[in-house]
Amino acid sequence: MKTNYILAAAWGVLYVLTAVWTFLLQKAGVGATLIVVNNLMPVLMGIFTGWFEKWYPARLARGSKKQ
């Protein structure tokens, strides 16, 4: 259950940061780079989500002391 909250927060942070860097990069005049960055970040976050969903429950099942 914690996994859902952690991933939801991570995706939320990504979308807030996307709005911030989109605003800043548009002011700087780098629109072409913005298209690449804004399409690449959700792909990377999707890869992270897939990895995290496998890693985090396994870590809890091992009973890791660092929680």
N, C-alpha and C. Protein backbone atom coordinates (compact mmCIF):
# COMPACT_ATOMS: atom_id res chain seq x y z
N MET A 1 0.82 -1.19 0.00
CA MET A 1 0.00 0.00 0.00
C MET A 1 0.86 1.26 0.00
N LYS A 2 1.97 1.23 0.73
CA LYS A 2 2.87 2.37 0.75
C LYS A 2 3.42 2.66 -0.64
N THR A 3 3.59 1.59 -1.41
CA THR A 3 4.14 1.74 -2.76
C THR A 3 3.29 2.68 -3.59
N ASN A 4 1.97 2.56 -3.48
CA ASN A 4 1.07 3.43 -4.25
C ASN A 4 1.24 4.90 -3.87
N TYR A 5 1.36 5.18 -2.58
CA TYR A 5 1.51 6.55 -2.13
C TYR A 5 2.86 7.13 -2.56
N ILE A 6 3.90 6.33 -2.45
CA ILE A 6 5.23 6.79 -2.84
C ILE A 6 5.26 7.11 -4.33
N LEU A 7 4.72 6.22 -5.14
CA LEU A 7 4.73 6.45 -6.59
C LEU A 7 3.82 7.60 -6.98
N ALA A 8 2.68 7.73 -6.33
CA ALA A 8 1.78 8.86 -6.63
C ALA A 8 2.47 10.18 -6.30
N ALA A 9 3.17 10.22 -5.19
CA ALA A 9 3.90 11.44 -4.82
C ALA A 9 5.02 11.73 -5.82
N ALA A 10 5.73 10.69 -6.24
CA ALA A 10 6.82 10.87 -7.21
C ALA A 10 6.30 11.40 -8.54
N TRP A 11 5.18 10.84 -9.02
CA TRP A 11 4.58 11.32 -10.27
C TRP A 11 4.09 12.75 -10.10
N GLY A 12 3.50 13.06 -8.96
CA GLY A 12 3.04 14.42 -8.70
C GLY A 12 4.17 15.43 -8.73
N VAL A 13 5.27 15.07 -8.08
CA VAL A 13 6.46 15.93 -8.09
C VAL A 13 6.97 16.12 -9.52
N LEU A 14 6.99 15.04 -10.28
CA LEU A 14 7.44 15.14 -11.68
C LEU A 14 6.60 16.15 -12.45
N TYR A 15 5.29 16.08 -12.31
CA TYR A 15 4.43 16.98 -13.08
C TYR A 15 4.52 18.42 -12.60
N VAL A 16 4.74 18.64 -11.32
CA VAL A 16 4.96 20.00 -10.83
C VAL A 16 6.29 20.54 -11.38
N LEU A 17 7.33 19.71 -11.31
CA LEU A 17 8.63 20.14 -11.85
C LEU A 17 8.56 20.37 -13.36
N THR A 18 7.78 19.56 -14.05
CA THR A 18 7.61 19.74 -15.50
C THR A 18 7.02 21.11 -15.79
N ALA A 19 6.03 21.52 -15.02
CA ALA A 19 5.44 22.84 -15.22
C ALA A 19 6.47 23.94 -14.97
N VAL A 20 7.28 23.77 -13.93
CA VAL A 20 8.28 24.78 -13.58
C VAL A 20 9.34 24.88 -14.68
N TRP A 21 9.94 23.73 -15.05
CA TRP A 21 11.00 23.83 -16.05
C TRP A 21 10.47 24.19 -17.43
N THR A 22 9.22 23.87 -17.73
CA THR A 22 8.63 24.30 -18.99
C THR A 22 8.53 25.82 -19.02
N PHE A 23 8.06 26.40 -17.95
CA PHE A 23 7.96 27.86 -17.86
C PHE A 23 9.34 28.51 -18.01
N LEU A 24 10.32 27.99 -17.28
CA LEU A 24 11.65 28.59 -17.31
C LEU A 24 12.34 28.41 -18.66
N LEU A 25 12.22 27.23 -19.24
CA LEU A 25 12.86 26.99 -20.52
C LEU A 25 12.19 27.76 -21.66
N GLN A 26 10.89 27.96 -21.57
CA GLN A 26 10.21 28.76 -22.59
C GLN A 26 10.68 30.21 -22.52
N LYS A 27 10.88 30.71 -21.33
CA LYS A 27 11.40 32.07 -21.19
C LYS A 27 12.82 32.17 -21.73
N ALA A 28 13.59 31.08 -21.61
CA ALA A 28 14.97 31.07 -22.10
C ALA A 28 15.04 30.86 -23.62
N GLY A 29 13.92 30.45 -24.22
CA GLY A 29 13.87 30.29 -25.67
C GLY A 29 14.41 28.97 -26.20
N VAL A 30 14.30 27.92 -25.43
CA VAL A 30 14.76 26.60 -25.90
C VAL A 30 13.57 25.66 -26.07
N GLY A 31 12.70 26.00 -27.00
CA GLY A 31 11.48 25.23 -27.22
C GLY A 31 11.71 23.84 -27.75
N ALA A 32 12.69 23.66 -28.64
CA ALA A 32 12.96 22.34 -29.21
C ALA A 32 13.44 21.36 -28.15
N THR A 33 14.29 21.82 -27.27
CA THR A 33 14.78 20.99 -26.18
C THR A 33 13.64 20.61 -25.25
N LEU A 34 12.72 21.53 -25.08
CA LEU A 34 11.58 21.32 -24.19
C LEU A 34 10.73 20.15 -24.65
N ILE A 35 10.53 20.00 -25.93
CA ILE A 35 9.74 18.89 -26.46
C ILE A 35 10.39 17.57 -26.10
N VAL A 36 11.69 17.47 -26.29
CA VAL A 36 12.42 16.24 -25.99
C VAL A 36 12.36 15.94 -24.49
N VAL A 37 12.65 16.93 -23.67
CA VAL A 37 12.68 16.73 -22.21
C VAL A 37 11.30 16.34 -21.69
N ASN A 38 10.27 17.05 -22.13
CA ASN A 38 8.92 16.77 -21.63
C ASN A 38 8.36 15.44 -22.10
N ASN A 39 8.89 14.88 -23.16
CA ASN A 39 8.48 13.54 -23.59
C ASN A 39 9.35 12.45 -22.99
N LEU A 40 10.59 12.77 -22.69
CA LEU A 40 11.51 11.78 -22.15
C LEU A 40 11.29 11.53 -20.66
N MET A 41 10.97 12.55 -19.90
CA MET A 41 10.85 12.40 -18.45
C MET A 41 9.74 11.42 -18.03
N PRO A 42 8.54 11.46 -18.61
CA PRO A 42 7.54 10.46 -18.22
C PRO A 42 7.95 9.03 -18.60
N VAL A 43 8.70 8.89 -19.69
CA VAL A 43 9.20 7.56 -20.07
C VAL A 43 10.17 7.06 -19.00
N LEU A 44 11.09 7.92 -18.59
CA LEU A 44 12.05 7.52 -17.54
C LEU A 44 11.34 7.25 -16.22
N MET A 45 10.33 8.05 -15.91
CA MET A 45 9.57 7.83 -14.68
C MET A 45 8.79 6.51 -14.75
N GLY A 46 8.30 6.16 -15.93
CA GLY A 46 7.62 4.88 -16.11
C GLY A 46 8.56 3.71 -15.88
N ILE A 47 9.79 3.84 -16.37
CA ILE A 47 10.80 2.80 -16.13
C ILE A 47 11.10 2.70 -14.64
N PHE A 48 11.24 3.85 -13.98
CA PHE A 48 11.48 3.87 -12.54
C PHE A 48 10.31 3.22 -11.79
N THR A 49 9.08 3.52 -12.22
CA THR A 49 7.89 2.95 -11.57
C THR A 49 7.90 1.43 -11.65
N GLY A 50 8.21 0.89 -12.83
CA GLY A 50 8.29 -0.56 -13.00
C GLY A 50 9.34 -1.18 -12.09
N TRP A 51 10.50 -0.54 -12.02
CA TRP A 51 11.57 -1.05 -11.16
C TRP A 51 11.17 -0.95 -9.69
N PHE A 52 10.61 0.18 -9.28
CA PHE A 52 10.27 0.41 -7.88
C PHE A 52 9.20 -0.55 -7.39
N GLU A 53 8.22 -0.86 -8.24
CA GLU A 53 7.15 -1.78 -7.85
C GLU A 53 7.69 -3.18 -7.56
N LYS A 54 8.79 -3.54 -8.16
CA LYS A 54 9.41 -4.85 -7.89
C LYS A 54 10.37 -4.76 -6.71
N TRP A 55 11.11 -3.68 -6.61
CA TRP A 55 12.16 -3.55 -5.60
C TRP A 55 11.59 -3.30 -4.19
N TYR A 56 10.66 -2.38 -4.05
CA TYR A 56 10.21 -1.97 -2.72
C TYR A 56 9.50 -3.09 -1.96
N PRO A 57 8.54 -3.81 -2.55
CA PRO A 57 7.92 -4.91 -1.79
C PRO A 57 8.93 -6.00 -1.41
N ALA A 58 9.90 -6.25 -2.28
CA ALA A 58 10.92 -7.26 -1.96
C ALA A 58 11.76 -6.79 -0.78
N ARG A 59 12.04 -5.51 -0.71
CA ARG A 59 12.81 -4.96 0.41
C ARG A 59 12.04 -5.12 1.71
N LEU A 60 10.74 -4.85 1.67
CA LEU A 60 9.91 -5.02 2.88
C LEU A 60 9.82 -6.48 3.28
N ALA A 61 9.72 -7.38 2.32
CA ALA A 61 9.62 -8.82 2.61
C ALA A 61 10.89 -9.35 3.26
N ARG A 62 12.04 -8.76 2.88
CA ARG A 62 13.32 -9.17 3.50
C ARG A 62 13.42 -8.71 4.93
N GLY A 63 12.60 -7.72 5.30
CA GLY A 63 12.66 -7.20 6.67
C GLY A 63 13.85 -6.30 6.89
N SER A 64 14.15 -5.49 5.89
CA SER A 64 15.27 -4.56 5.99
C SER A 64 15.11 -3.66 7.21
N LYS A 65 16.19 -3.46 7.94
CA LYS A 65 16.14 -2.69 9.18
C LYS A 65 16.12 -1.19 8.91
N LYS A 66 16.49 -0.76 7.72
CA LYS A 66 16.50 0.68 7.38
C LYS A 66 15.17 1.06 6.76
N GLN A 67 14.19 1.35 7.57
CA GLN A 67 12.87 1.75 7.05
C GLN A 67 12.47 3.06 7.60
